[in-house]
Amino acid sequence: MPFVSPSMLARMLIVLALLGAACASEPTAEEKAAARAALLGDGATGQRRDPTPIDDETPPDDSALSESADGEPTAPESVGETTPGPVDGERLDRALASVPDDGLRFQLAAALGLAKTASSRCSDIDAWVTATDEASTAANTAATTARAVGGEWLGTDQAAVVAASFRDALVLQVPCQVVVDTGDVESAMAAAGRASAANDEVLLALTSRNPATGSEFWYHADQLGHTIEIDRLVRQEGPVEILVIGSSTAKRGFDPGVMTDELGRSTMNAAVAGLFPTTMDVWATDAIRLGGEPATVVIGLSTFQDFLECTDDRRQKMVDAGTMQTFAFAALDILAGEEPARRLIGGTAATYRSTVLDEYAPAPGSRGQMVSPDVPNPESVAYYTQLYTPRMAGAEYCPQNAPAIEQLITSLVDGGRRVLTVSLPLSPAMAALHPDGRAAHDQSVETYREVTQAAGGEWLDLTDLLTDEEFLDLTHATSGGRAKITEATIEALR
C-alpha cells in the first residue's frame, strides 16, 4: 500500500476516533426482529458479469478524502459526490428522517442497526462473523430497494451521510472497542469481503458516483478485479512472472493467456482504465507485492494521455483509496496483520461480490484480459471522437508524465526487474487529434524512448503496427489488433 506518513496516520486516527457515534440509535428488540424477518431472506447481490464493451479514460470521481493545506489527505466536511468524514448520530438521524420512502427508510435504519450490533461483537469473532453477514445481507437488500425506488433523494448530501455511516460501522468498524486475536481468520476474512461489497453496494445505490470509480477503497473496479485475480494466480500457480501495467489501451492490447503459453511464464495483465503515467507507480507497487514480486514488468503507453488533464487528481484518488484500505477492518486484531487489499476481497475465498462494480471488473480466470470485438465499433468511434476532439483541441503537453515513467522504470530496474516499455499503436484519426497532429505524437514517443533507455529499460515502438480496421475505436485494439500487439511483445521478451 502507499506509504502513510506519521502526520497522515495521526489525522486518520483522529477522524476514526470521532466516528464513535456513526450509526443511528439502537433499534428496539421488536425492530431488530422485524428487520431480520423482512430483510435477511433476499439479500443476494448477484454474480459477476462480463465487462462492458466500452471503457474510457475519463477522470475518476471525487476522492473519499479531501486535501489539507499541507497536501495530506483529511476527511472532508462537505457531502454529496464526496462522501463525508465524521458523521455523528444527530446528523445521521436527520439524514434518515429525510428519506421520502417509508420502506427504504426502515430498511436503511434497520441495516445500520445490524451493522452497529455486528461491529460491537468484535470481542467474539464467531459472533462477529454471523452478525456481520446478517448486516451485509440487510445492507444489500436496502441497496436493491434504493435502486428500485429511485427518486431525487438519491445522490443528495443526506444520502451521502447515510452511505458514510454504513462505511463507518460496516468496514471501518468504528463501534468496535474490545478485540481479540483468536478465531478463524479465513471465516473473518470471508465476512469482511462480503461486508466491503455490501458497503459499496449501498454507496453506489445512494450516491451519484460513477460505478466504475465510485468506491472509496478502489481507484477503479479494474484494480479490485485484478487484486482478486492476482491472488488466485499466486495461490494456484505460484508468483506472477510477467506483470503488464498501463491504461485501458494496455488492458485491451495485451493477451496474458497467450503470453503465458508462448513464453512459459505466468503473465497477468494488470492494466487499469484511466491509469495515467503519473499514477502507474502507485498501482505497480501494490500489484508487484500482491503478485509475488514478478521479475518482468511490461509498461504500455499511449501518447494521447500526454495531452489530457495534467493534474494530480488521479494520483491523489489512488493514494487516498490506498489509505482507506489500510483502515478497512484493521480494528479487528485478528485481521489487522493481513494484507489490506486481501481483507477487502475476502481473502482466499474472494467473497467480494457487487452487482455494480463487478460489471466493470475483469472476469475471474481472465488474467486481467479485456476482450475486444473483432471489428471496429462505429458507436465507440463516435463516442471517442466526441470525447477527445474538444479535450485535445489546444491542449498542452503534460511535462509530468515522462519523468514519472523514468522514475518508475528506474525503481523497477534498481529492484532487479526487467522492464519493457511499449508505445502502443495509435489510429491515424487519434494521431490527427493531437495539438500538432502526428508530429506531437512522434515527439512524445521519442521522449518516452529516451527516458526508458536512460533508466535502463527496453523499448518497443508499435505506433504503426495496426491498420484502421484493427482499432475498435480511436485508441483501443480489436481482438485481431491485440493478437498483433501480443505477438510483437512476445518476440521482444524472448
Protein backbone atom coordinates (compact mmCIF):
# COMPACT_ATOMS: atom_id res chain seq x y z
CA MET A 1 0.00 0.00 0.00
CA PRO A 2 1.11 3.62 -0.40
CA PHE A 3 3.31 4.99 2.38
CA VAL A 4 1.31 6.62 5.15
CA SER A 5 3.25 9.41 6.83
CA PRO A 6 3.04 9.83 10.61
CA SER A 7 1.09 13.04 10.26
CA MET A 8 -1.32 11.42 7.81
CA LEU A 9 -1.77 8.48 10.17
CA ALA A 10 -2.43 10.82 13.05
CA ARG A 11 -5.07 12.66 11.06
CA MET A 12 -6.83 9.44 10.09
CA LEU A 13 -6.75 8.10 13.63
CA ILE A 14 -8.28 11.32 14.91
CA VAL A 15 -11.00 11.03 12.29
CA LEU A 16 -11.71 7.46 13.30
CA ALA A 17 -11.82 8.41 16.95
CA LEU A 18 -14.50 10.96 16.17
CA LEU A 19 -16.69 8.42 14.45
CA GLY A 20 -17.87 6.63 17.58
CA ALA A 21 -21.48 7.70 17.15
CA ALA A 22 -21.59 6.90 13.47
CA CYS A 23 -24.78 4.88 13.47
CA ALA A 24 -28.41 5.61 14.28
CA SER A 25 -29.96 4.99 17.67
CA GLU A 26 -30.02 1.31 18.66
CA PRO A 27 -33.20 -0.31 17.25
CA THR A 28 -35.63 -1.84 19.71
CA ALA A 29 -35.87 -5.62 20.06
CA GLU A 30 -39.08 -5.57 18.03
CA GLU A 31 -37.44 -3.56 15.26
CA LYS A 32 -34.49 -5.94 15.18
CA ALA A 33 -36.77 -8.96 14.93
CA ALA A 34 -38.80 -7.35 12.18
CA ALA A 35 -35.64 -6.36 10.36
CA ARG A 36 -34.29 -9.89 10.38
CA ALA A 37 -37.60 -11.35 9.24
CA ALA A 38 -38.10 -8.78 6.50
CA LEU A 39 -34.56 -8.25 5.27
CA LEU A 40 -32.45 -11.35 5.61
CA GLY A 41 -34.31 -13.51 3.15
CA ASP A 42 -33.42 -11.97 -0.21
CA GLY A 43 -30.16 -10.09 0.04
CA ALA A 44 -28.17 -11.88 -2.67
CA THR A 45 -26.04 -9.50 -4.68
CA GLY A 46 -25.87 -11.33 -7.99
CA GLN A 47 -22.95 -12.65 -9.99
CA ARG A 48 -20.03 -11.07 -11.80
CA ARG A 49 -20.86 -10.08 -15.35
CA ASP A 50 -18.73 -9.71 -18.43
CA PRO A 51 -17.01 -6.34 -18.78
CA THR A 52 -18.83 -3.61 -20.68
CA PRO A 53 -17.76 -3.20 -24.31
CA ILE A 54 -16.61 0.38 -23.92
CA ASP A 55 -14.31 1.83 -21.30
CA ASP A 56 -12.81 5.29 -21.26
CA GLU A 57 -10.16 7.48 -19.73
CA THR A 58 -12.47 9.95 -18.03
CA PRO A 59 -11.32 11.41 -14.73
CA PRO A 60 -12.25 9.50 -11.56
CA ASP A 61 -14.90 10.75 -9.18
CA ASP A 62 -14.04 12.96 -6.26
CA SER A 63 -11.92 11.18 -3.71
CA ALA A 64 -13.12 9.87 -0.40
CA LEU A 65 -10.65 12.24 1.21
CA SER A 66 -10.06 15.92 0.57
CA GLU A 67 -6.69 17.66 0.75
CA SER A 68 -5.50 19.83 3.61
CA ALA A 69 -3.35 22.93 3.31
CA ASP A 70 -0.16 20.87 3.61
CA GLY A 71 -1.24 18.45 0.91
CA GLU A 72 -2.07 15.47 3.11
CA PRO A 73 -5.49 13.79 2.98
CA THR A 74 -8.02 14.60 5.61
CA ALA A 75 -11.68 13.73 5.96
CA PRO A 76 -13.88 16.30 4.19
CA GLU A 77 -16.62 18.21 5.93
CA SER A 78 -18.77 18.57 2.81
CA VAL A 79 -21.01 15.86 1.46
CA GLY A 80 -22.54 14.88 -1.85
CA GLU A 81 -20.24 13.45 -4.50
CA THR A 82 -17.52 13.42 -1.86
CA THR A 83 -18.56 11.06 0.92
CA PRO A 84 -18.48 12.82 4.30
CA GLY A 85 -16.00 12.15 7.03
CA PRO A 86 -17.17 12.18 10.67
CA VAL A 87 -20.92 11.53 10.95
CA ASP A 88 -22.45 11.97 14.38
CA GLY A 89 -25.69 10.34 15.48
CA GLU A 90 -27.77 13.50 15.26
CA ARG A 91 -26.61 14.19 11.74
CA LEU A 92 -27.42 10.64 10.71
CA ASP A 93 -30.87 10.80 12.31
CA ARG A 94 -31.63 13.92 10.26
CA ALA A 95 -30.42 12.20 7.10
CA LEU A 96 -32.56 9.12 7.71
CA ALA A 97 -35.58 11.28 8.51
CA SER A 98 -35.21 12.90 5.08
CA VAL A 99 -35.71 9.60 3.21
CA PRO A 100 -39.07 10.10 1.48
CA ASP A 101 -39.92 6.41 1.05
CA ASP A 102 -41.06 4.80 4.31
CA GLY A 103 -39.96 1.30 3.33
CA LEU A 104 -36.49 2.39 2.26
CA ARG A 105 -36.09 4.48 5.42
CA PHE A 106 -36.92 1.48 7.58
CA GLN A 107 -34.57 -0.82 5.67
CA LEU A 108 -31.67 1.61 5.88
CA ALA A 109 -32.17 2.25 9.60
CA ALA A 110 -32.55 -1.45 10.37
CA ALA A 111 -29.47 -2.40 8.32
CA LEU A 112 -27.43 0.28 10.08
CA GLY A 113 -28.59 -1.05 13.42
CA LEU A 114 -27.49 -4.54 12.45
CA ALA A 115 -24.11 -3.19 11.29
CA LYS A 116 -23.60 -1.40 14.58
CA THR A 117 -24.54 -4.52 16.51
CA ALA A 118 -22.13 -6.63 14.43
CA SER A 119 -19.23 -4.27 14.99
CA SER A 120 -19.88 -4.21 18.74
CA ARG A 121 -19.48 -8.01 18.80
CA CYS A 122 -15.85 -7.96 17.68
CA SER A 123 -14.74 -9.47 21.00
CA ASP A 124 -16.13 -12.80 19.75
CA ILE A 125 -15.04 -13.45 16.18
CA ASP A 126 -17.58 -16.22 15.55
CA ALA A 127 -20.40 -13.95 16.73
CA TRP A 128 -18.92 -11.09 14.71
CA VAL A 129 -18.90 -13.18 11.53
CA THR A 130 -22.53 -14.20 11.97
CA ALA A 131 -23.72 -10.69 12.83
CA THR A 132 -21.65 -9.09 10.06
CA ASP A 133 -23.13 -11.42 7.47
CA GLU A 134 -26.62 -10.51 8.68
CA ALA A 135 -25.77 -6.82 8.42
CA SER A 136 -24.27 -7.28 4.94
CA THR A 137 -27.36 -9.09 3.71
CA ALA A 138 -29.60 -6.36 5.11
CA ALA A 139 -27.42 -3.66 3.53
CA ASN A 140 -27.58 -5.40 0.14
CA THR A 141 -31.36 -5.58 0.38
CA ALA A 142 -31.59 -1.89 1.25
CA ALA A 143 -29.37 -1.05 -1.73
CA THR A 144 -31.61 -3.09 -4.03
CA THR A 145 -34.65 -1.29 -2.69
CA ALA A 146 -32.99 2.10 -3.17
CA ARG A 147 -32.39 1.35 -6.84
CA ALA A 148 -35.95 0.16 -7.28
CA VAL A 149 -37.46 3.17 -5.51
CA GLY A 150 -35.24 5.75 -7.20
CA GLY A 151 -36.22 9.37 -6.76
CA GLU A 152 -34.50 12.69 -6.23
CA TRP A 153 -33.29 11.87 -2.72
CA LEU A 154 -30.65 9.54 -4.13
CA GLY A 155 -27.48 11.48 -4.85
CA THR A 156 -28.21 14.17 -2.25
CA ASP A 157 -25.99 15.23 0.61
CA GLN A 158 -28.30 13.44 3.04
CA ALA A 159 -27.98 10.19 1.09
CA ALA A 160 -24.18 10.54 1.23
CA VAL A 161 -24.36 10.89 5.02
CA VAL A 162 -26.26 7.59 5.25
CA ALA A 163 -23.75 5.90 2.93
CA ALA A 164 -20.85 7.15 5.05
CA SER A 165 -22.47 5.71 8.16
CA PHE A 166 -22.54 2.26 6.57
CA ARG A 167 -18.84 2.63 5.78
CA ASP A 168 -18.04 3.64 9.36
CA ALA A 169 -19.88 0.74 11.01
CA LEU A 170 -19.55 -2.00 8.38
CA VAL A 171 -15.98 -1.54 7.09
CA LEU A 172 -14.11 0.82 9.41
CA GLN A 173 -15.66 -0.99 12.38
CA VAL A 174 -15.88 2.21 14.41
CA PRO A 175 -18.06 0.80 17.24
CA CYS A 176 -15.52 -1.98 17.84
CA GLN A 177 -13.86 -1.32 21.20
CA VAL A 178 -12.68 -4.68 22.59
CA VAL A 179 -10.99 -7.02 20.15
CA VAL A 180 -9.41 -10.45 20.31
CA ASP A 181 -6.71 -12.05 18.21
CA THR A 182 -8.09 -15.58 18.20
CA GLY A 183 -10.59 -17.21 15.90
CA ASP A 184 -10.91 -18.48 12.34
CA VAL A 185 -9.03 -15.96 10.21
CA GLU A 186 -10.41 -17.24 6.90
CA SER A 187 -14.00 -17.02 8.13
CA ALA A 188 -13.38 -13.48 9.34
CA MET A 189 -11.73 -12.56 6.02
CA ALA A 190 -14.67 -14.01 4.09
CA ALA A 191 -17.14 -11.98 6.17
CA ALA A 192 -15.03 -8.87 5.64
CA GLY A 193 -15.16 -9.36 1.87
CA ARG A 194 -18.94 -9.67 1.93
CA ALA A 195 -19.20 -6.58 4.12
CA SER A 196 -16.96 -4.49 1.89
CA ALA A 197 -19.05 -5.46 -1.13
CA ALA A 198 -22.27 -4.58 0.72
CA ASN A 199 -20.78 -1.22 1.65
CA ASP A 200 -20.00 -0.46 -1.99
CA GLU A 201 -23.50 -1.58 -2.98
CA VAL A 202 -25.03 0.93 -0.58
CA LEU A 203 -22.63 3.72 -1.56
CA LEU A 204 -23.27 3.33 -5.27
CA ALA A 205 -27.03 2.92 -4.81
CA LEU A 206 -27.40 6.04 -2.66
CA THR A 207 -24.97 8.40 -4.39
CA SER A 208 -24.44 9.55 -7.97
CA ARG A 209 -20.88 8.25 -8.21
CA ASN A 210 -19.55 6.62 -11.37
CA PRO A 211 -19.97 2.86 -10.76
CA ALA A 212 -16.51 2.04 -12.14
CA THR A 213 -14.69 4.55 -9.95
CA GLY A 214 -17.11 5.23 -7.11
CA SER A 215 -15.74 3.02 -4.34
CA GLU A 216 -13.81 4.77 -1.61
CA PHE A 217 -11.47 1.79 -1.33
CA TRP A 218 -10.55 1.24 -5.00
CA TYR A 219 -9.30 3.63 -7.67
CA HIS A 220 -11.19 1.69 -10.31
CA ALA A 221 -13.13 -1.56 -10.49
CA ASP A 222 -10.25 -2.94 -12.59
CA GLN A 223 -7.99 -2.65 -9.56
CA LEU A 224 -10.47 -4.67 -7.50
CA GLY A 225 -10.78 -7.36 -10.16
CA HIS A 226 -7.03 -7.54 -10.64
CA THR A 227 -6.45 -7.95 -6.91
CA ILE A 228 -8.82 -10.94 -6.86
CA GLU A 229 -7.22 -12.44 -9.97
CA ILE A 230 -3.62 -11.92 -8.84
CA ASP A 231 -4.46 -13.55 -5.51
CA ARG A 232 -5.96 -16.52 -7.38
CA LEU A 233 -2.95 -16.88 -9.67
CA VAL A 234 -0.46 -16.78 -6.81
CA ARG A 235 -2.39 -19.42 -4.88
CA GLN A 236 -2.93 -21.74 -7.83
CA GLU A 237 0.19 -21.26 -9.97
CA GLY A 238 2.75 -19.50 -7.82
CA PRO A 239 4.14 -15.97 -8.21
CA VAL A 240 3.29 -13.92 -11.29
CA GLU A 241 6.38 -13.72 -13.52
CA ILE A 242 5.36 -11.04 -16.03
CA LEU A 243 3.19 -8.09 -14.98
CA VAL A 244 1.59 -5.75 -17.52
CA ILE A 245 0.54 -2.27 -16.40
CA GLY A 246 -0.97 0.65 -18.28
CA SER A 247 -4.39 2.11 -19.04
CA SER A 248 -7.34 0.65 -20.96
CA THR A 249 -5.32 0.62 -24.19
CA ALA A 250 -2.93 -1.81 -22.49
CA LYS A 251 -5.84 -3.72 -20.97
CA ARG A 252 -7.19 -4.35 -24.47
CA GLY A 253 -3.75 -4.55 -26.07
CA PHE A 254 -2.01 -7.50 -24.36
CA ASP A 255 -3.27 -11.09 -24.20
CA PRO A 256 -1.83 -12.52 -20.95
CA GLY A 257 -3.04 -16.02 -21.71
CA VAL A 258 -1.11 -16.19 -24.99
CA MET A 259 1.93 -14.62 -23.34
CA THR A 260 1.80 -17.24 -20.59
CA ASP A 261 1.55 -20.09 -23.10
CA GLU A 262 4.18 -18.81 -25.54
CA LEU A 263 6.76 -17.65 -23.01
CA GLY A 264 6.14 -20.30 -20.38
CA ARG A 265 5.90 -17.60 -17.71
CA SER A 266 2.80 -16.73 -15.72
CA THR A 267 1.56 -13.38 -17.04
CA MET A 268 -1.00 -11.00 -15.53
CA ASN A 269 -2.45 -8.02 -17.38
CA ALA A 270 -2.98 -5.59 -14.51
CA ALA A 271 -3.73 -2.55 -16.68
CA VAL A 272 -6.38 -0.23 -15.23
CA ALA A 273 -8.70 2.05 -17.19
CA GLY A 274 -7.80 5.67 -16.58
CA LEU A 275 -4.35 4.83 -15.19
CA PHE A 276 -2.08 7.69 -16.25
CA PRO A 277 1.75 7.75 -16.23
CA THR A 278 1.79 9.78 -13.02
CA THR A 279 -0.32 7.11 -11.30
CA MET A 280 1.30 3.92 -12.55
CA ASP A 281 3.93 3.67 -9.82
CA VAL A 282 1.32 3.54 -7.04
CA TRP A 283 -0.58 0.64 -8.55
CA ALA A 284 2.60 -1.08 -9.82
CA THR A 285 3.99 -1.16 -6.28
CA ASP A 286 0.83 -2.82 -4.96
CA ALA A 287 0.46 -5.24 -7.88
CA ILE A 288 4.10 -6.32 -7.67
CA ARG A 289 3.79 -7.03 -3.96
CA LEU A 290 0.49 -8.88 -4.36
CA GLY A 291 1.86 -10.86 -7.31
CA GLY A 292 4.89 -12.25 -5.54
CA GLU A 293 7.49 -9.85 -6.95
CA PRO A 294 7.38 -10.59 -10.72
CA ALA A 295 10.75 -10.42 -12.50
CA THR A 296 9.47 -8.64 -15.62
CA VAL A 297 7.22 -5.61 -15.98
CA VAL A 298 5.71 -4.50 -19.30
CA ILE A 299 4.55 -0.87 -19.38
CA GLY A 300 2.04 0.04 -22.10
CA LEU A 301 1.92 3.75 -23.01
CA SER A 302 -0.41 5.81 -25.20
CA THR A 303 0.74 9.30 -26.14
CA PHE A 304 -2.72 10.89 -26.20
CA GLN A 305 -2.63 10.80 -22.40
CA ASP A 306 0.17 13.40 -22.55
CA PHE A 307 -2.35 15.96 -23.77
CA LEU A 308 -5.22 15.34 -21.37
CA GLU A 309 -5.65 16.53 -17.79
CA CYS A 310 -2.25 17.43 -16.33
CA THR A 311 -3.19 17.39 -12.65
CA ASP A 312 -2.51 15.27 -9.58
CA ASP A 313 -6.19 14.43 -9.07
CA ARG A 314 -5.85 10.88 -10.38
CA ARG A 315 -2.79 10.13 -8.31
CA GLN A 316 -4.43 11.56 -5.19
CA LYS A 317 -7.51 9.43 -5.82
CA MET A 318 -5.37 6.28 -5.87
CA VAL A 319 -3.32 7.31 -2.85
CA ASP A 320 -6.48 8.14 -0.91
CA ALA A 321 -8.06 4.79 -1.80
CA GLY A 322 -4.91 3.04 -0.61
CA THR A 323 -5.01 4.95 2.64
CA MET A 324 -8.64 3.96 3.17
CA GLN A 325 -7.71 0.32 2.54
CA THR A 326 -5.25 0.35 5.44
CA PHE A 327 -8.11 1.17 7.85
CA ALA A 328 -10.64 -1.33 6.48
CA PHE A 329 -11.29 -3.95 9.19
CA ALA A 330 -7.99 -3.01 10.86
CA ALA A 331 -9.86 -2.52 14.15
CA LEU A 332 -10.08 -6.31 14.46
CA ASP A 333 -6.81 -7.65 15.80
CA ILE A 334 -7.30 -10.96 14.04
CA LEU A 335 -7.32 -9.19 10.66
CA ALA A 336 -5.00 -6.25 11.36
CA GLY A 337 -1.91 -8.16 10.19
CA GLU A 338 -3.45 -9.27 6.89
CA GLU A 339 -2.82 -7.52 3.57
CA PRO A 340 -5.41 -4.67 3.46
CA ALA A 341 -6.49 -5.39 -0.11
CA ARG A 342 -7.00 -9.06 0.75
CA ARG A 343 -9.22 -8.10 3.67
CA LEU A 344 -11.45 -6.20 1.26
CA ILE A 345 -11.74 -9.00 -1.30
CA GLY A 346 -12.47 -11.61 1.36
CA GLY A 347 -9.15 -13.43 1.50
CA THR A 348 -8.65 -16.79 -0.17
CA ALA A 349 -12.40 -17.26 -0.65
CA ALA A 350 -12.60 -13.96 -2.59
CA THR A 351 -16.13 -13.35 -1.28
CA TYR A 352 -16.43 -9.79 -2.60
CA ARG A 353 -19.47 -9.61 -4.88
CA SER A 354 -21.01 -6.36 -6.05
CA THR A 355 -23.70 -6.12 -8.70
CA VAL A 356 -22.41 -2.75 -9.89
CA LEU A 357 -18.63 -2.88 -9.53
CA ASP A 358 -18.39 -6.46 -10.79
CA GLU A 359 -19.93 -5.36 -14.06
CA TYR A 360 -16.83 -3.27 -14.73
CA ALA A 361 -14.14 -5.53 -13.28
CA PRO A 362 -12.27 -8.17 -15.35
CA ALA A 363 -13.88 -11.60 -15.30
CA PRO A 364 -12.38 -14.23 -12.99
CA GLY A 365 -9.87 -16.52 -14.66
CA SER A 366 -9.09 -13.97 -17.38
CA ARG A 367 -5.63 -12.96 -16.11
CA GLY A 368 -6.97 -9.42 -16.39
CA GLN A 369 -7.62 -9.55 -20.13
CA MET A 370 -10.30 -7.29 -21.61
CA VAL A 371 -11.91 -8.98 -24.59
CA SER A 372 -12.50 -6.77 -27.63
CA PRO A 373 -14.75 -7.34 -30.66
CA ASP A 374 -13.24 -8.50 -33.94
CA VAL A 375 -14.24 -5.41 -35.93
CA PRO A 376 -14.43 -1.65 -35.33
CA ASN A 377 -17.40 -0.43 -33.36
CA PRO A 378 -18.99 2.64 -35.02
CA GLU A 379 -20.62 3.66 -31.76
CA SER A 380 -17.27 3.55 -29.98
CA VAL A 381 -15.62 5.56 -32.76
CA ALA A 382 -18.32 8.22 -32.46
CA TYR A 383 -18.08 8.20 -28.67
CA TYR A 384 -14.34 8.70 -28.53
CA THR A 385 -14.36 11.24 -31.34
CA GLN A 386 -16.89 13.30 -29.39
CA LEU A 387 -14.93 12.76 -26.15
CA TYR A 388 -11.46 13.66 -27.35
CA THR A 389 -11.98 16.30 -30.05
CA PRO A 390 -12.72 19.17 -27.61
CA ARG A 391 -10.28 17.88 -24.99
CA MET A 392 -7.35 17.64 -27.41
CA ALA A 393 -8.05 20.93 -29.19
CA GLY A 394 -5.45 23.41 -28.00
CA ALA A 395 -4.23 21.02 -25.31
CA GLU A 396 -0.72 21.44 -23.97
CA TYR A 397 1.86 18.73 -23.43
CA CYS A 398 1.96 17.47 -19.85
CA PRO A 399 5.59 17.60 -18.69
CA GLN A 400 4.95 15.38 -15.65
CA ASN A 401 4.33 12.11 -17.48
CA ALA A 402 7.73 11.24 -18.94
CA PRO A 403 9.67 11.95 -15.71
CA ALA A 404 7.15 9.82 -13.82
CA ILE A 405 7.75 6.92 -16.20
CA GLU A 406 11.52 7.37 -15.95
CA GLN A 407 11.32 7.28 -12.15
CA LEU A 408 9.11 4.18 -12.26
CA ILE A 409 11.47 2.33 -14.60
CA THR A 410 14.49 3.34 -12.53
CA SER A 411 12.93 1.94 -9.37
CA LEU A 412 11.94 -1.29 -11.12
CA VAL A 413 15.38 -1.79 -12.67
CA ASP A 414 17.09 -0.97 -9.38
CA GLY A 415 14.94 -3.68 -7.86
CA GLY A 416 16.43 -6.21 -10.29
CA ARG A 417 13.49 -6.32 -12.70
CA ARG A 418 13.47 -6.38 -16.47
CA VAL A 419 11.32 -3.58 -17.89
CA LEU A 420 9.90 -3.38 -21.41
CA THR A 421 8.16 -0.12 -22.32
CA VAL A 422 5.77 -0.42 -25.27
CA SER A 423 4.49 2.55 -27.25
CA LEU A 424 1.08 1.18 -28.15
CA PRO A 425 -0.49 1.60 -31.61
CA LEU A 426 -2.49 4.73 -32.27
CA SER A 427 -5.03 5.19 -35.03
CA PRO A 428 -4.34 7.89 -37.64
CA ALA A 429 -7.57 9.61 -36.59
CA MET A 430 -6.37 9.84 -32.98
CA ALA A 431 -2.90 10.99 -34.02
CA ALA A 432 -4.53 13.77 -36.03
CA LEU A 433 -6.34 14.99 -32.91
CA HIS A 434 -3.03 15.74 -31.16
CA PRO A 435 -2.49 19.50 -30.93
CA ASP A 436 0.18 19.41 -33.68
CA GLY A 437 -1.06 16.25 -35.31
CA ARG A 438 1.25 13.30 -35.81
CA ALA A 439 4.31 15.45 -35.01
CA ALA A 440 3.17 15.86 -31.38
CA HIS A 441 2.64 12.13 -31.06
CA ASP A 442 6.08 11.39 -32.51
CA GLN A 443 7.72 13.79 -30.10
CA SER A 444 6.04 12.10 -27.14
CA VAL A 445 7.18 8.71 -28.41
CA GLU A 446 10.75 9.95 -28.73
CA THR A 447 10.67 11.39 -25.22
CA TYR A 448 9.45 8.10 -23.76
CA ARG A 449 12.14 6.21 -25.69
CA GLU A 450 14.82 8.46 -24.27
CA VAL A 451 13.68 8.20 -20.65
CA THR A 452 13.14 4.44 -20.94
CA GLN A 453 16.62 3.77 -22.19
CA ALA A 454 18.19 6.26 -19.79
CA ALA A 455 16.55 4.40 -16.89
CA GLY A 456 17.81 1.02 -18.07
CA GLY A 457 14.61 -0.27 -19.64
CA GLU A 458 13.98 -1.80 -23.07
CA TRP A 459 11.96 -0.02 -25.74
CA LEU A 460 9.39 -1.26 -28.28
CA ASP A 461 7.62 1.15 -30.63
CA LEU A 462 4.41 -0.30 -32.07
CA THR A 463 2.89 3.01 -33.20
CA ASP A 464 2.26 1.92 -36.79
CA LEU A 465 1.65 -1.78 -36.21
CA LEU A 466 -2.12 -1.78 -36.85
CA THR A 467 -4.37 -0.79 -39.73
CA ASP A 468 -7.51 1.30 -39.27
CA GLU A 469 -9.60 -1.89 -39.35
CA GLU A 470 -7.71 -3.24 -36.34
CA PHE A 471 -8.89 -0.49 -34.00
CA LEU A 472 -12.12 -0.90 -32.09
CA ASP A 473 -12.30 2.88 -31.84
CA LEU A 474 -9.70 5.64 -31.91
CA THR A 475 -7.39 4.13 -29.31
CA HIS A 476 -8.30 0.51 -28.43
CA ALA A 477 -7.33 -2.53 -30.49
CA THR A 478 -9.74 -5.14 -31.82
CA SER A 479 -9.09 -8.78 -30.99
CA GLY A 480 -7.03 -9.06 -34.17
CA GLY A 481 -5.06 -5.98 -33.23
CA ARG A 482 -4.49 -7.36 -29.75
CA ALA A 483 -3.05 -10.54 -31.28
CA LYS A 484 -0.52 -8.50 -33.26
CA ILE A 485 0.50 -6.41 -30.23
CA THR A 486 0.85 -9.55 -28.13
CA GLU A 487 2.95 -11.32 -30.77
CA ALA A 488 5.33 -8.37 -31.12
CA THR A 489 5.68 -8.10 -27.35
CA ILE A 490 6.40 -11.83 -27.01
CA GLU A 491 9.19 -11.57 -29.57
CA ALA A 492 10.70 -8.64 -27.67
CA LEU A 493 10.61 -10.61 -24.41
CA ARG A 494 12.13 -13.85 -25.71
